[in-house]
């Protein structure tokens, strides 16, 4: 089952996010083959990072929550709020966008 992680940063956590980003990326790389999509949530102009949106396949909710608990941004205190919900992908992404 795919689980969607909607994670919003605490105000003023940009420096901490930047510092932990290499660990965050390495942790994501460990499950790269199970990621449906992943990326930062940003301000309207795309310049400020506000959080993360991840969709990752896990065998069950417990495994998803355990993974999130060990995630470097979570452990480092970057996120101010988090939700983890099951997701059914009814419109799979294509390799690229149409021209």
PDB file of N, CA and C in Angstrom:
ATOM      1  N   UNK A   1       0.852  -1.177   0.000  1.00  0.00           N
ATOM      2  CA  UNK A   1       0.000   0.000   0.000  1.00  0.00           C
ATOM      3  C   UNK A   1       0.893   1.233   0.000  1.00  0.00           C
ATOM      4  N   UNK A   2       0.536   2.197  -0.805  1.00  0.00           N
ATOM      5  CA  UNK A   2       1.258   3.473  -0.810  1.00  0.00           C
ATOM      6  C   UNK A   2       0.736   4.325   0.340  1.00  0.00           C
ATOM      7  N   UNK A   3       1.672   4.928   1.057  1.00  0.00           N
ATOM      8  CA  UNK A   3       1.325   5.873   2.121  1.00  0.00           C
ATOM      9  C   UNK A   3       1.855   7.243   1.739  1.00  0.00           C
ATOM     10  N   UNK A   4       1.011   8.257   1.929  1.00  0.00           N
ATOM     11  CA  UNK A   4       1.386   9.636   1.639  1.00  0.00           C
ATOM     12  C   UNK A   4       1.744  10.309   2.954  1.00  0.00           C
ATOM     13  N   UNK A   5       2.914  10.928   2.962  1.00  0.00           N
ATOM     14  CA  UNK A   5       3.412  11.672   4.114  1.00  0.00           C
ATOM     15  C   UNK A   5       3.278  13.151   3.793  1.00  0.00           C
ATOM     16  N   UNK A   6       2.416  13.853   4.512  1.00  0.00           N
ATOM     17  CA  UNK A   6       2.242  15.303   4.357  1.00  0.00           C
ATOM     18  C   UNK A   6       2.887  15.923   5.587  1.00  0.00           C
ATOM     19  N   UNK A   7       4.049  16.551   5.384  1.00  0.00           N
ATOM     20  CA  UNK A   7       4.895  16.991   6.486  1.00  0.00           C
ATOM     21  C   UNK A   7       5.171  18.487   6.349  1.00  0.00           C
ATOM     22  N   UNK A   8       4.771  19.254   7.340  1.00  0.00           N
ATOM     23  CA  UNK A   8       4.971  20.701   7.304  1.00  0.00           C
ATOM     24  C   UNK A   8       6.058  21.108   8.291  1.00  0.00           C
ATOM     25  N   UNK A   9       6.962  21.967   7.816  1.00  0.00           N
ATOM     26  CA  UNK A   9       8.075  22.414   8.640  1.00  0.00           C
ATOM     27  C   UNK A   9       7.613  23.333   9.767  1.00  0.00           C
ATOM     28  N   UNK A  10       8.374  23.307  10.852  1.00  0.00           N
ATOM     29  CA  UNK A  10       8.195  24.292  11.917  1.00  0.00           C
ATOM     30  C   UNK A  10       8.676  25.631  11.377  1.00  0.00           C
ATOM     31  N   UNK A  11       8.056  26.722  11.804  1.00  0.00           N
ATOM     32  CA  UNK A  11       8.574  28.030  11.392  1.00  0.00           C
ATOM     33  C   UNK A  11      10.043  28.177  11.817  1.00  0.00           C
ATOM     34  N   UNK A  12      10.836  28.764  10.948  1.00  0.00           N
ATOM     35  CA  UNK A  12      12.232  29.028  11.260  1.00  0.00           C
ATOM     36  C   UNK A  12      13.152  27.820  11.191  1.00  0.00           C
ATOM     37  N   UNK A  13      12.737  26.758  10.514  1.00  0.00           N
ATOM     38  CA  UNK A  13      13.544  25.540  10.485  1.00  0.00           C
ATOM     39  C   UNK A  13      14.376  25.378   9.207  1.00  0.00           C
ATOM     40  N   UNK A  14      14.464  26.420   8.393  1.00  0.00           N
ATOM     41  CA  UNK A  14      15.186  26.312   7.122  1.00  0.00           C
ATOM     42  C   UNK A  14      16.652  25.923   7.326  1.00  0.00           C
ATOM     43  N   UNK A  15      17.325  26.535   8.280  1.00  0.00           N
ATOM     44  CA  UNK A  15      18.740  26.217   8.507  1.00  0.00           C
ATOM     45  C   UNK A  15      18.910  24.755   8.903  1.00  0.00           C
ATOM     46  N   UNK A  16      18.032  24.276   9.782  1.00  0.00           N
ATOM     47  CA  UNK A  16      18.082  22.883  10.206  1.00  0.00           C
ATOM     48  C   UNK A  16      17.784  21.949   9.026  1.00  0.00           C
ATOM     49  N   UNK A  17      16.791  22.306   8.212  1.00  0.00           N
ATOM     50  CA  UNK A  17      16.452  21.520   7.006  1.00  0.00           C
ATOM     51  C   UNK A  17      17.657  21.429   6.086  1.00  0.00           C
ATOM     52  N   UNK A  18      18.310  22.545   5.865  1.00  0.00           N
ATOM     53  CA  UNK A  18      19.478  22.578   4.981  1.00  0.00           C
ATOM     54  C   UNK A  18      20.600  21.701   5.538  1.00  0.00           C
ATOM     55  N   UNK A  19      20.816  21.778   6.826  1.00  0.00           N
ATOM     56  CA  UNK A  19      21.869  20.999   7.475  1.00  0.00           C
ATOM     57  C   UNK A  19      21.599  19.494   7.373  1.00  0.00           C
ATOM     58  N   UNK A  20      20.344  19.090   7.539  1.00  0.00           N
ATOM     59  CA  UNK A  20      19.990  17.667   7.554  1.00  0.00           C
ATOM     60  C   UNK A  20      19.675  17.093   6.174  1.00  0.00           C
ATOM     61  N   UNK A  21      19.613  17.928   5.153  1.00  0.00           N
ATOM     62  CA  UNK A  21      19.193  17.485   3.826  1.00  0.00           C
ATOM     63  C   UNK A  21      20.010  16.314   3.281  1.00  0.00           C
ATOM     64  N   UNK A  22      21.346  16.296   3.417  1.00  0.00           N
ATOM     65  CA  UNK A  22      22.091  15.131   2.911  1.00  0.00           C
ATOM     66  C   UNK A  22      21.665  13.821   3.588  1.00  0.00           C
ATOM     67  N   UNK A  23      21.416  13.848   4.885  1.00  0.00           N
ATOM     68  CA  UNK A  23      20.950  12.649   5.589  1.00  0.00           C
ATOM     69  C   UNK A  23      19.549  12.254   5.128  1.00  0.00           C
ATOM     70  N   UNK A  24      18.687  13.257   4.932  1.00  0.00           N
ATOM     71  CA  UNK A  24      17.327  13.026   4.438  1.00  0.00           C
ATOM     72  C   UNK A  24      17.364  12.347   3.067  1.00  0.00           C
ATOM     73  N   UNK A  25      18.185  12.871   2.161  1.00  0.00           N
ATOM     74  CA  UNK A  25      18.280  12.298   0.814  1.00  0.00           C
ATOM     75  C   UNK A  25      18.839  10.875   0.851  1.00  0.00           C
ATOM     76  N   UNK A  26      19.822  10.625   1.701  1.00  0.00           N
ATOM     77  CA  UNK A  26      20.384   9.279   1.823  1.00  0.00           C
ATOM     78  C   UNK A  26      19.339   8.311   2.371  1.00  0.00           C
ATOM     79  N   UNK A  27      18.529   8.766   3.316  1.00  0.00           N
ATOM     80  CA  UNK A  27      17.481   7.920   3.892  1.00  0.00           C
ATOM     81  C   UNK A  27      16.424   7.598   2.841  1.00  0.00           C
ATOM     82  N   UNK A  28      16.051   8.585   2.036  1.00  0.00           N
ATOM     83  CA  UNK A  28      15.100   8.339   0.944  1.00  0.00           C
ATOM     84  C   UNK A  28      15.677   7.368  -0.081  1.00  0.00           C
ATOM     85  N   UNK A  29      16.970   7.471  -0.334  1.00  0.00           N
ATOM     86  CA  UNK A  29      17.602   6.583  -1.319  1.00  0.00           C
ATOM     87  C   UNK A  29      17.472   5.115  -0.921  1.00  0.00           C
ATOM     88  N   UNK A  30      17.365   4.844   0.371  1.00  0.00           N
ATOM     89  CA  UNK A  30      17.223   3.467   0.842  1.00  0.00           C
ATOM     90  C   UNK A  30      15.895   2.837   0.409  1.00  0.00           C
ATOM     91  N   UNK A  31      14.894   3.672   0.114  1.00  0.00           N
ATOM     92  CA  UNK A  31      13.580   3.170  -0.328  1.00  0.00           C
ATOM     93  C   UNK A  31      13.232   3.674  -1.727  1.00  0.00           C
ATOM     94  N   UNK A  32      14.244   4.087  -2.484  1.00  0.00           N
ATOM     95  CA  UNK A  32      14.024   4.708  -3.795  1.00  0.00           C
ATOM     96  C   UNK A  32      13.163   3.867  -4.718  1.00  0.00           C
ATOM     97  N   UNK A  33      13.324   2.550  -4.666  1.00  0.00           N
ATOM     98  CA  UNK A  33      12.563   1.678  -5.562  1.00  0.00           C
ATOM     99  C   UNK A  33      11.091   1.584  -5.185  1.00  0.00           C
ATOM    100  N   UNK A  34      10.716   2.139  -4.025  1.00  0.00           N
ATOM    101  CA  UNK A  34       9.318   2.101  -3.568  1.00  0.00           C
ATOM    102  C   UNK A  34       8.666   3.480  -3.552  1.00  0.00           C
ATOM    103  N   UNK A  35       9.379   4.505  -4.012  1.00  0.00           N
ATOM    104  CA  UNK A  35       8.838   5.865  -4.000  1.00  0.00           C
ATOM    105  C   UNK A  35       7.971   6.089  -5.237  1.00  0.00           C
ATOM    106  N   UNK A  36       6.709   6.456  -5.016  1.00  0.00           N
ATOM    107  CA  UNK A  36       5.816   6.819  -6.122  1.00  0.00           C
ATOM    108  C   UNK A  36       6.093   8.259  -6.553  1.00  0.00           C
ATOM    109  N   UNK A  37       6.272   9.147  -5.585  1.00  0.00           N
ATOM    110  CA  UNK A  37       6.696  10.520  -5.824  1.00  0.00           C
ATOM    111  C   UNK A  37       7.174  11.114  -4.510  1.00  0.00           C
ATOM    112  N   UNK A  38       8.003  12.154  -4.607  1.00  0.00           N
ATOM    113  CA  UNK A  38       8.551  12.793  -3.412  1.00  0.00           C
ATOM    114  C   UNK A  38       9.089  14.167  -3.788  1.00  0.00           C
ATOM    115  N   UNK A  39       8.962  15.100  -2.870  1.00  0.00           N
ATOM    116  CA  UNK A  39       9.527  16.429  -3.108  1.00  0.00           C
ATOM    117  C   UNK A  39       9.106  17.407  -2.041  1.00  0.00           C
ATOM    118  N   UNK A  40       9.687  18.607  -2.111  1.00  0.00           N
ATOM    119  CA  UNK A  40       9.361  19.627  -1.116  1.00  0.00           C
ATOM    120  C   UNK A  40       8.044  20.329  -1.436  1.00  0.00           C
ATOM    121  N   UNK A  41       7.380  20.764  -0.393  1.00  0.00           N
ATOM    122  CA  UNK A  41       6.262  21.691  -0.522  1.00  0.00           C
ATOM    123  C   UNK A  41       6.873  23.082  -0.436  1.00  0.00           C
ATOM    124  N   UNK A  42       6.444  23.971  -1.310  1.00  0.00           N
ATOM    125  CA  UNK A  42       7.083  25.284  -1.382  1.00  0.00           C
ATOM    126  C   UNK A  42       6.077  26.427  -1.302  1.00  0.00           C
ATOM    127  N   UNK A  43       6.626  27.616  -1.153  1.00  0.00           N
ATOM    128  CA  UNK A  43       5.826  28.825  -1.249  1.00  0.00           C
ATOM    129  C   UNK A  43       5.343  28.971  -2.692  1.00  0.00           C
ATOM    130  N   UNK A  44       4.424  29.865  -2.914  1.00  0.00           N
ATOM    131  CA  UNK A  44       3.838  30.061  -4.244  1.00  0.00           C
ATOM    132  C   UNK A  44       4.894  30.361  -5.306  1.00  0.00           C
ATOM    133  N   UNK A  45       5.947  31.087  -4.935  1.00  0.00           N
ATOM    134  CA  UNK A  45       6.997  31.418  -5.904  1.00  0.00           C
ATOM    135  C   UNK A  45       8.047  30.313  -6.031  1.00  0.00           C
ATOM    136  N   UNK A  46       7.909  29.243  -5.239  1.00  0.00           N
ATOM    137  CA  UNK A  46       8.811  28.107  -5.318  1.00  0.00           C
ATOM    138  C   UNK A  46      10.153  28.313  -4.642  1.00  0.00           C
ATOM    139  N   UNK A  47      10.334  29.430  -3.963  1.00  0.00           N
ATOM    140  CA  UNK A  47      11.638  29.741  -3.375  1.00  0.00           C
ATOM    141  C   UNK A  47      11.800  29.234  -1.947  1.00  0.00           C
ATOM    142  N   UNK A  48      10.755  29.257  -1.172  1.00  0.00           N
ATOM    143  CA  UNK A  48      10.847  28.844   0.237  1.00  0.00           C
ATOM    144  C   UNK A  48      10.290  27.434   0.394  1.00  0.00           C
ATOM    145  N   UNK A  49      11.044  26.574   1.087  1.00  0.00           N
ATOM    146  CA  UNK A  49      10.566  25.228   1.377  1.00  0.00           C
ATOM    147  C   UNK A  49       9.710  25.270   2.637  1.00  0.00           C
ATOM    148  N   UNK A  50       8.525  24.661   2.544  1.00  0.00           N
ATOM    149  CA  UNK A  50       7.564  24.681   3.642  1.00  0.00           C
ATOM    150  C   UNK A  50       7.341  23.316   4.268  1.00  0.00           C
ATOM    151  N   UNK A  51       7.806  22.267   3.591  1.00  0.00           N
ATOM    152  CA  UNK A  51       7.573  20.918   4.090  1.00  0.00           C
ATOM    153  C   UNK A  51       7.923  19.900   3.028  1.00  0.00           C
ATOM    154  N   UNK A  52       7.378  18.708   3.198  1.00  0.00           N
ATOM    155  CA  UNK A  52       7.647  17.613   2.266  1.00  0.00           C
ATOM    156  C   UNK A  52       6.360  16.857   1.956  1.00  0.00           C
ATOM    157  N   UNK A  53       6.298  16.321   0.748  1.00  0.00           N
ATOM    158  CA  UNK A  53       5.206  15.437   0.342  1.00  0.00           C
ATOM    159  C   UNK A  53       5.851  14.198  -0.258  1.00  0.00           C
ATOM    160  N   UNK A  54       5.614  13.059   0.371  1.00  0.00           N
ATOM    161  CA  UNK A  54       6.222  11.807  -0.048  1.00  0.00           C
ATOM    162  C   UNK A  54       5.127  10.766  -0.224  1.00  0.00           C
ATOM    163  N   UNK A  55       5.254   9.926  -1.221  1.00  0.00           N
ATOM    164  CA  UNK A  55       4.344   8.789  -1.415  1.00  0.00           C
ATOM    165  C   UNK A  55       5.219   7.559  -1.611  1.00  0.00           C
ATOM    166  N   UNK A  56       5.161   6.657  -0.624  1.00  0.00           N
ATOM    167  CA  UNK A  56       6.068   5.513  -0.596  1.00  0.00           C
ATOM    168  C   UNK A  56       5.287   4.240  -0.275  1.00  0.00           C
ATOM    169  N   UNK A  57       5.647   3.172  -0.941  1.00  0.00           N
ATOM    170  CA  UNK A  57       5.000   1.878  -0.733  1.00  0.00           C
ATOM    171  C   UNK A  57       5.584   1.191   0.507  1.00  0.00           C
ATOM    172  N   UNK A  58       4.698   0.799   1.413  1.00  0.00           N
ATOM    173  CA  UNK A  58       5.064   0.055   2.621  1.00  0.00           C
ATOM    174  C   UNK A  58       4.089  -1.100   2.781  1.00  0.00           C
ATOM    175  N   UNK A  59       4.509  -2.173   3.449  1.00  0.00           N
ATOM    176  CA  UNK A  59       3.613  -3.315   3.611  1.00  0.00           C
ATOM    177  C   UNK A  59       2.402  -3.014   4.496  1.00  0.00           C
ATOM    178  N   UNK A  60       2.548  -2.036   5.416  1.00  0.00           N
ATOM    179  CA  UNK A  60       1.432  -1.686   6.304  1.00  0.00           C
ATOM    180  C   UNK A  60       1.714  -0.342   6.963  1.00  0.00           C
ATOM    181  N   UNK A  61       0.706   0.187   7.652  1.00  0.00           N
ATOM    182  CA  UNK A  61       0.813   1.495   8.303  1.00  0.00           C
ATOM    183  C   UNK A  61       1.926   1.512   9.357  1.00  0.00           C
ATOM    184  N   UNK A  62       2.043   0.432  10.109  1.00  0.00           N
ATOM    185  CA  UNK A  62       3.072   0.375  11.147  1.00  0.00           C
ATOM    186  C   UNK A  62       4.462   0.558  10.548  1.00  0.00           C
ATOM    187  N   UNK A  63       4.734  -0.097   9.422  1.00  0.00           N
ATOM    188  CA  UNK A  63       6.032   0.041   8.757  1.00  0.00           C
ATOM    189  C   UNK A  63       6.248   1.473   8.270  1.00  0.00           C
ATOM    190  N   UNK A  64       5.193   2.098   7.746  1.00  0.00           N
ATOM    191  CA  UNK A  64       5.289   3.488   7.287  1.00  0.00           C
ATOM    192  C   UNK A  64       5.605   4.424   8.455  1.00  0.00           C
ATOM    193  N   UNK A  65       4.915   4.229   9.567  1.00  0.00           N
ATOM    194  CA  UNK A  65       5.142   5.084  10.740  1.00  0.00           C
ATOM    195  C   UNK A  65       6.531   4.852  11.336  1.00  0.00           C
ATOM    196  N   UNK A  66       6.994   3.614  11.337  1.00  0.00           N
ATOM    197  CA  UNK A  66       8.344   3.329  11.827  1.00  0.00           C
ATOM    198  C   UNK A  66       9.385   4.000  10.937  1.00  0.00           C
ATOM    199  N   UNK A  67       9.164   3.950   9.632  1.00  0.00           N
ATOM    200  CA  UNK A  67      10.088   4.600   8.705  1.00  0.00           C
ATOM    201  C   UNK A  67      10.129   6.100   8.974  1.00  0.00           C
ATOM    202  N   UNK A  68       8.961   6.705   9.130  1.00  0.00           N
ATOM    203  CA  UNK A  68       8.910   8.148   9.365  1.00  0.00           C
ATOM    204  C   UNK A  68       9.584   8.525  10.680  1.00  0.00           C
ATOM    205  N   UNK A  69       9.429   7.701  11.691  1.00  0.00           N
ATOM    206  CA  UNK A  69      10.024   7.989  12.998  1.00  0.00           C
ATOM    207  C   UNK A  69      11.551   8.053  12.911  1.00  0.00           C
ATOM    208  N   UNK A  70      12.140   7.317  11.972  1.00  0.00           N
ATOM    209  CA  UNK A  70      13.594   7.297  11.817  1.00  0.00           C
ATOM    210  C   UNK A  70      14.096   8.309  10.783  1.00  0.00           C
ATOM    211  N   UNK A  71      13.195   8.961  10.092  1.00  0.00           N
ATOM    212  CA  UNK A  71      13.546   9.900   9.033  1.00  0.00           C
ATOM    213  C   UNK A  71      14.324  11.085   9.644  1.00  0.00           C
ATOM    214  N   UNK A  72      15.455  11.501   9.049  1.00  0.00           N
ATOM    215  CA  UNK A  72      16.290  12.540   9.645  1.00  0.00           C
ATOM    216  C   UNK A  72      15.598  13.873   9.920  1.00  0.00           C
ATOM    217  N   UNK A  73      14.721  14.337   9.033  1.00  0.00           N
ATOM    218  CA  UNK A  73      14.012  15.591   9.310  1.00  0.00           C
ATOM    219  C   UNK A  73      13.088  15.427  10.517  1.00  0.00           C
ATOM    220  N   UNK A  74      12.470  14.257  10.640  1.00  0.00           N
ATOM    221  CA  UNK A  74      11.602  13.982  11.792  1.00  0.00           C
ATOM    222  C   UNK A  74      12.436  13.955  13.063  1.00  0.00           C
ATOM    223  N   UNK A  75      13.507  13.173  13.062  1.00  0.00           N
ATOM    224  CA  UNK A  75      14.344  13.063  14.244  1.00  0.00           C
ATOM    225  C   UNK A  75      15.011  14.382  14.611  1.00  0.00           C
ATOM    226  N   UNK A  76      15.345  15.186  13.612  1.00  0.00           N
ATOM    227  CA  UNK A  76      16.016  16.450  13.860  1.00  0.00           C
ATOM    228  C   UNK A  76      15.097  17.573  14.299  1.00  0.00           C
ATOM    229  N   UNK A  77      13.781  17.355  14.202  1.00  0.00           N
ATOM    230  CA  UNK A  77      12.835  18.379  14.640  1.00  0.00           C
ATOM    231  C   UNK A  77      12.464  19.404  13.590  1.00  0.00           C
ATOM    232  N   UNK A  78      12.645  19.088  12.315  1.00  0.00           N
ATOM    233  CA  UNK A  78      12.287  20.015  11.237  1.00  0.00           C
ATOM    234  C   UNK A  78      10.770  20.172  11.122  1.00  0.00           C
ATOM    235  N   UNK A  79      10.058  19.061  11.229  1.00  0.00           N
ATOM    236  CA  UNK A  79       8.615  19.088  10.980  1.00  0.00           C
ATOM    237  C   UNK A  79       7.827  19.536  12.206  1.00  0.00           C
ATOM    238  N   UNK A  80       6.865  20.402  11.963  1.00  0.00           N
ATOM    239  CA  UNK A  80       5.956  20.850  13.015  1.00  0.00           C
ATOM    240  C   UNK A  80       4.675  20.047  13.031  1.00  0.00           C
ATOM    241  N   UNK A  81       4.297  19.501  11.874  1.00  0.00           N
ATOM    242  CA  UNK A  81       3.107  18.650  11.808  1.00  0.00           C
ATOM    243  C   UNK A  81       3.324  17.575  10.750  1.00  0.00           C
ATOM    244  N   UNK A  82       2.657  16.450  10.977  1.00  0.00           N
ATOM    245  CA  UNK A  82       2.814  15.323  10.067  1.00  0.00           C
ATOM    246  C   UNK A  82       1.521  14.535   9.996  1.00  0.00           C
ATOM    247  N   UNK A  83       1.185  14.082   8.796  1.00  0.00           N
ATOM    248  CA  UNK A  83       0.094  13.127   8.640  1.00  0.00           C
ATOM    249  C   UNK A  83       0.555  12.055   7.675  1.00  0.00           C
ATOM    250  N   UNK A  84       0.117  10.842   7.942  1.00  0.00           N
ATOM    251  CA  UNK A  84       0.460   9.689   7.112  1.00  0.00           C
ATOM    252  C   UNK A  84      -0.849   8.989   6.786  1.00  0.00           C
ATOM    253  N   UNK A  85      -1.162   8.931   5.499  1.00  0.00           N
ATOM    254  CA  UNK A  85      -2.440   8.369   5.063  1.00  0.00           C
ATOM    255  C   UNK A  85      -2.245   7.380   3.927  1.00  0.00           C
ATOM    256  N   UNK A  86      -3.057   6.308   3.885  1.00  0.00           N
ATOM    257  CA  UNK A  86      -2.992   5.389   2.752  1.00  0.00           C
ATOM    258  C   UNK A  86      -3.476   6.098   1.485  1.00  0.00           C
ATOM    259  N   UNK A  87      -2.915   5.680   0.360  1.00  0.00           N
ATOM    260  CA  UNK A  87      -3.201   6.338  -0.915  1.00  0.00           C
ATOM    261  C   UNK A  87      -3.368   5.271  -1.991  1.00  0.00           C
ATOM    262  N   UNK A  88      -4.397   5.422  -2.800  1.00  0.00           N
ATOM    263  CA  UNK A  88      -4.614   4.539  -3.941  1.00  0.00           C
ATOM    264  C   UNK A  88      -4.358   5.361  -5.198  1.00  0.00           C
ATOM    265  N   UNK A  89      -3.380   4.959  -5.982  1.00  0.00           N
ATOM    266  CA  UNK A  89      -2.993   5.703  -7.173  1.00  0.00           C
ATOM    267  C   UNK A  89      -3.867   5.281  -8.354  1.00  0.00           C
ATOM    268  N   UNK A  90      -4.904   6.039  -8.617  1.00  0.00           N
ATOM    269  CA  UNK A  90      -5.818   5.735  -9.717  1.00  0.00           C
ATOM    270  C   UNK A  90      -5.387   6.371 -11.031  1.00  0.00           C
ATOM    271  N   UNK A  91      -4.388   7.238 -10.973  1.00  0.00           N
ATOM    272  CA  UNK A  91      -3.911   7.899 -12.171  1.00  0.00           C
ATOM    273  C   UNK A  91      -2.388   7.871 -12.170  1.00  0.00           C
ATOM    274  N   UNK A  92      -1.803   6.712 -12.491  1.00  0.00           N
ATOM    275  CA  UNK A  92      -0.336   6.599 -12.434  1.00  0.00           C
ATOM    276  C   UNK A  92       0.365   7.619 -13.311  1.00  0.00           C
ATOM    277  N   UNK A  93       1.491   8.095 -12.831  1.00  0.00           N
ATOM    278  CA  UNK A  93       2.272   9.062 -13.580  1.00  0.00           C
ATOM    279  C   UNK A  93       2.896   8.406 -14.806  1.00  0.00           C
ATOM    280  N   UNK A  94       3.110   9.221 -15.797  1.00  0.00           N
ATOM    281  CA  UNK A  94       3.792   8.764 -17.007  1.00  0.00           C
ATOM    282  C   UNK A  94       5.259   9.119 -16.873  1.00  0.00           C
ATOM    283  N   UNK A  95       6.081   8.570 -17.743  1.00  0.00           N
ATOM    284  CA  UNK A  95       7.528   8.832 -17.704  1.00  0.00           C
ATOM    285  C   UNK A  95       7.841  10.303 -17.882  1.00  0.00           C
ATOM    286  N   UNK A  96       7.038  11.005 -18.636  1.00  0.00           N
ATOM    287  CA  UNK A  96       7.258  12.428 -18.862  1.00  0.00           C
ATOM    288  C   UNK A  96       5.931  13.120 -19.106  1.00  0.00           C
ATOM    289  N   UNK A  97       5.964  14.396 -19.208  1.00  0.00           N
ATOM    290  CA  UNK A  97       4.739  15.152 -19.473  1.00  0.00           C
ATOM    291  C   UNK A  97       4.567  15.303 -20.969  1.00  0.00           C
ATOM    292  N   UNK A  98       3.312  15.342 -21.440  1.00  0.00           N
ATOM    293  CA  UNK A  98       3.093  15.546 -22.879  1.00  0.00           C
ATOM    294  C   UNK A  98       3.571  16.922 -23.294  1.00  0.00           C
ATOM    295  N   UNK A  99       4.000  17.012 -24.529  1.00  0.00           N
ATOM    296  CA  UNK A  99       4.506  18.304 -25.035  1.00  0.00           C
ATOM    297  C   UNK A  99       3.387  19.216 -25.448  1.00  0.00           C
TER     298      UNK A  99
END
